[in-house]
C-alpha atoms as a PDB file:
ATOM      1  CA  MET A   1       0.000   0.000   0.000  1.00  0.00           C
ATOM      2  CA  ALA A   2       1.416   3.361  -1.041  1.00  0.00           C
ATOM      3  CA  ASP A   3       2.020   5.994   1.639  1.00  0.00           C
ATOM      4  CA  GLY A   4      -0.329   8.963   1.986  1.00  0.00           C
ATOM      5  CA  VAL A   5      -3.035   7.658  -0.349  1.00  0.00           C
ATOM      6  CA  LYS A   6      -6.390   9.146   0.587  1.00  0.00           C
ATOM      7  CA  PRO A   7      -9.627   8.887  -1.420  1.00  0.00           C
ATOM      8  CA  ARG A   8     -12.177  11.702  -1.147  1.00  0.00           C
ATOM      9  CA  VAL A   9     -15.702  11.788  -2.543  1.00  0.00           C
ATOM     10  CA  LYS A  10     -18.344  14.489  -2.700  1.00  0.00           C
ATOM     11  CA  ALA A  11     -21.861  13.210  -3.415  1.00  0.00           C
ATOM     12  CA  PRO A  12     -25.298  14.440  -2.329  1.00  0.00           C
ATOM     13  CA  LYS A  13     -26.851  12.836   0.748  1.00  0.00           C
ATOM     14  CA  LYS A  14     -30.348  13.258  -0.684  1.00  0.00           C
ATOM     15  CA  ALA A  15     -31.844  13.281  -4.189  1.00  0.00           C
ATOM     16  CA  ALA A  16     -35.228  12.912  -5.878  1.00  0.00           C
ATOM     17  CA  ALA A  17     -35.926   9.560  -7.542  1.00  0.00           C
ATOM     18  CA  GLY A  18     -34.574   9.758 -11.098  1.00  0.00           C
ATOM     19  CA  GLU A  19     -32.522  12.889 -10.405  1.00  0.00           C
ATOM     20  CA  VAL A  20     -29.170  13.328 -12.113  1.00  0.00           C
ATOM     21  CA  VAL A  21     -26.509  14.251  -9.543  1.00  0.00           C
ATOM     22  CA  THR A  22     -22.899  15.396  -9.864  1.00  0.00           C
ATOM     23  CA  ILE A  23     -20.234  13.331  -8.126  1.00  0.00           C
ATOM     24  CA  LYS A  24     -16.671  14.488  -7.501  1.00  0.00           C
ATOM     25  CA  CYS A  25     -13.851  12.071  -6.655  1.00  0.00           C
ATOM     26  CA  LEU A  26     -10.200  12.700  -5.854  1.00  0.00           C
ATOM     27  CA  ILE A  27      -7.483  10.401  -4.620  1.00  0.00           C
ATOM     28  CA  SER A  28      -4.189  11.666  -3.237  1.00  0.00           C
ATOM     29  CA  HIS A  29      -1.519   9.603  -5.004  1.00  0.00           C
ATOM     30  CA  LYS A  30       1.917  10.402  -6.479  1.00  0.00           C
ATOM     31  CA  MET A  31       1.203   8.588  -9.765  1.00  0.00           C
ATOM     32  CA  GLU A  32       4.813   7.780 -10.696  1.00  0.00           C
ATOM     33  CA  SER A  33       4.955   6.939 -14.429  1.00  0.00           C
ATOM     34  CA  GLY A  34       8.050   4.709 -14.273  1.00  0.00           C
ATOM     35  CA  GLN A  35       9.862   6.902 -16.810  1.00  0.00           C
ATOM     36  CA  ARG A  36      11.674   9.296 -14.463  1.00  0.00           C
ATOM     37  CA  LYS A  37      15.019   8.740 -12.766  1.00  0.00           C
ATOM     38  CA  ASP A  38      16.062   9.506  -9.198  1.00  0.00           C
ATOM     39  CA  GLY A  39      19.113  11.568  -8.182  1.00  0.00           C
ATOM     40  CA  ASP A  40      21.404   8.552  -8.722  1.00  0.00           C
ATOM     41  CA  GLY A  41      20.120   7.913 -12.254  1.00  0.00           C
ATOM     42  CA  ASN A  42      18.032   4.866 -11.325  1.00  0.00           C
ATOM     43  CA  LYS A  43      14.574   4.486 -12.811  1.00  0.00           C
ATOM     44  CA  ILE A  44      11.803   5.204 -10.307  1.00  0.00           C
ATOM     45  CA  PRO A  45       9.391   2.239 -10.501  1.00  0.00           C
ATOM     46  CA  ARG A  46       5.921   2.808 -11.927  1.00  0.00           C
ATOM     47  CA  SER A  47       3.270   3.334  -9.251  1.00  0.00           C
ATOM     48  CA  ILE A  48      -0.119   4.520 -10.473  1.00  0.00           C
ATOM     49  CA  ILE A  49      -3.788   4.096  -9.768  1.00  0.00           C
ATOM     50  CA  ASN A  50      -4.590   2.018 -12.854  1.00  0.00           C
ATOM     51  CA  ARG A  51      -8.381   1.719 -12.534  1.00  0.00           C
ATOM     52  CA  PHE A  52     -11.300   3.587 -10.971  1.00  0.00           C
ATOM     53  CA  THR A  53     -14.840   2.269 -10.692  1.00  0.00           C
ATOM     54  CA  CYS A  54     -18.128   3.512  -9.275  1.00  0.00           C
ATOM     55  CA  ASP A  55     -21.182   1.332  -8.675  1.00  0.00           C
ATOM     56  CA  PHE A  56     -24.640   2.245  -7.434  1.00  0.00           C
ATOM     57  CA  ASN A  57     -26.427  -0.575  -5.599  1.00  0.00           C
ATOM     58  CA  GLY A  58     -24.133  -3.053  -7.355  1.00  0.00           C
ATOM     59  CA  LYS A  59     -24.674  -1.673 -10.886  1.00  0.00           C
ATOM     60  CA  SER A  60     -21.761  -0.103 -12.731  1.00  0.00           C
ATOM     61  CA  VAL A  61     -21.897   3.669 -13.178  1.00  0.00           C
ATOM     62  CA  ILE A  62     -18.355   4.284 -14.449  1.00  0.00           C
ATOM     63  CA  ASP A  63     -15.241   2.176 -15.051  1.00  0.00           C
ATOM     64  CA  VAL A  64     -12.029   3.981 -16.046  1.00  0.00           C
ATOM     65  CA  ALA A  65      -8.662   2.464 -17.011  1.00  0.00           C
ATOM     66  CA  MET A  66      -5.740   4.810 -16.331  1.00  0.00           C
ATOM     67  CA  GLU A  67      -2.317   4.912 -17.947  1.00  0.00           C
ATOM     68  CA  PRO A  68       1.030   6.353 -16.724  1.00  0.00           C
ATOM     69  CA  ALA A  69       0.397   9.759 -18.362  1.00  0.00           C
ATOM     70  CA  ILE A  70      -2.404  10.613 -15.906  1.00  0.00           C
ATOM     71  CA  SER A  71      -1.619  13.385 -13.453  1.00  0.00           C
ATOM     72  CA  THR A  72      -0.828  13.212  -9.767  1.00  0.00           C
ATOM     73  CA  ASN A  73      -3.928  13.075  -7.527  1.00  0.00           C
ATOM     74  CA  PRO A  74      -6.429  11.976 -10.206  1.00  0.00           C
ATOM     75  CA  TYR A  75      -9.763  13.816 -10.059  1.00  0.00           C
ATOM     76  CA  PHE A  76     -13.004  12.703 -11.679  1.00  0.00           C
ATOM     77  CA  GLN A  77     -16.293  14.554 -11.911  1.00  0.00           C
ATOM     78  CA  PHE A  78     -19.258  12.813 -13.497  1.00  0.00           C
ATOM     79  CA  GLU A  79     -23.045  12.675 -13.421  1.00  0.00           C
ATOM     80  CA  ALA A  80     -25.128   9.716 -12.320  1.00  0.00           C
ATOM     81  CA  THR A  81     -28.858   9.081 -12.136  1.00  0.00           C
ATOM     82  CA  VAL A  82     -30.208   8.122  -8.718  1.00  0.00           C
ATOM     83  CA  PRO A  83     -33.176   5.812  -9.434  1.00  0.00           C
ATOM     84  CA  GLU A  84     -33.738   4.852  -5.795  1.00  0.00           C
ATOM     85  CA  ALA A  85     -32.219   5.159  -2.333  1.00  0.00           C
ATOM     86  CA  GLY A  86     -28.931   3.324  -2.114  1.00  0.00           C
ATOM     87  CA  GLU A  87     -25.191   3.473  -1.954  1.00  0.00           C
ATOM     88  CA  PHE A  88     -22.482   4.589  -4.319  1.00  0.00           C
ATOM     89  CA  LYS A  89     -19.318   2.515  -3.969  1.00  0.00           C
ATOM     90  CA  PHE A  90     -16.070   3.992  -5.287  1.00  0.00           C
ATOM     91  CA  THR A  91     -12.984   1.829  -5.826  1.00  0.00           C
ATOM     92  CA  TRP A  92      -9.435   2.757  -6.865  1.00  0.00           C
ATOM     93  CA  TYR A  93      -6.961   0.011  -7.875  1.00  0.00           C
ATOM     94  CA  ASP A  94      -3.213   0.560  -7.391  1.00  0.00           C
ATOM     95  CA  ASP A  95      -0.334  -1.066  -9.332  1.00  0.00           C
ATOM     96  CA  ASP A  96       0.942  -2.593  -6.085  1.00  0.00           C
ATOM     97  CA  GLY A  97      -2.306  -4.539  -5.637  1.00  0.00           C
ATOM     98  CA  SER A  98      -3.793  -2.157  -3.082  1.00  0.00           C
ATOM     99  CA  VAL A  99      -7.481  -1.342  -3.343  1.00  0.00           C
ATOM    100  CA  TYR A 100      -8.907   1.853  -1.865  1.00  0.00           C
ATOM    101  CA  GLU A 101     -12.653   2.121  -1.272  1.00  0.00           C
ATOM    102  CA  GLU A 102     -15.094   4.789  -0.235  1.00  0.00           C
ATOM    103  CA  SER A 103     -18.888   4.715  -0.161  1.00  0.00           C
ATOM    104  CA  LYS A 104     -21.665   7.292   0.074  1.00  0.00           C
ATOM    105  CA  ARG A 105     -25.329   6.650   0.848  1.00  0.00           C
ATOM    106  CA  VAL A 106     -28.046   8.602  -0.946  1.00  0.00           C
ATOM    107  CA  ALA A 107     -31.555   8.934   0.439  1.00  0.00           C
ATOM    108  CA  ILE A 108     -34.626   9.738  -1.656  1.00  0.00           C
ATOM    109  CA  GLY A 109     -36.405  12.841  -0.541  1.00  0.00           C
END
């Protein structure tokens, strides 16, 4: 597990049935491409978040594959329809096998 990795999600706590909501996700991560060298001239190993997914009540909302060119601290903003009360589950997959998860419940109101 990489040091200092922290997922953050902003999603509404309440929505009307069928409402389209905006979700914002950020994960603090260095995102080392594997192409740079350290002070001694040695290649710094690749270490990136290589996949991000979001599900709502078990159904896929978004699934993104990431490559080494993505920036440090990847940020995603997207819209999702909230058909019913439930839970968004956000998952980030790291090259080192680590998985970072966050979830947000949404009530209908």
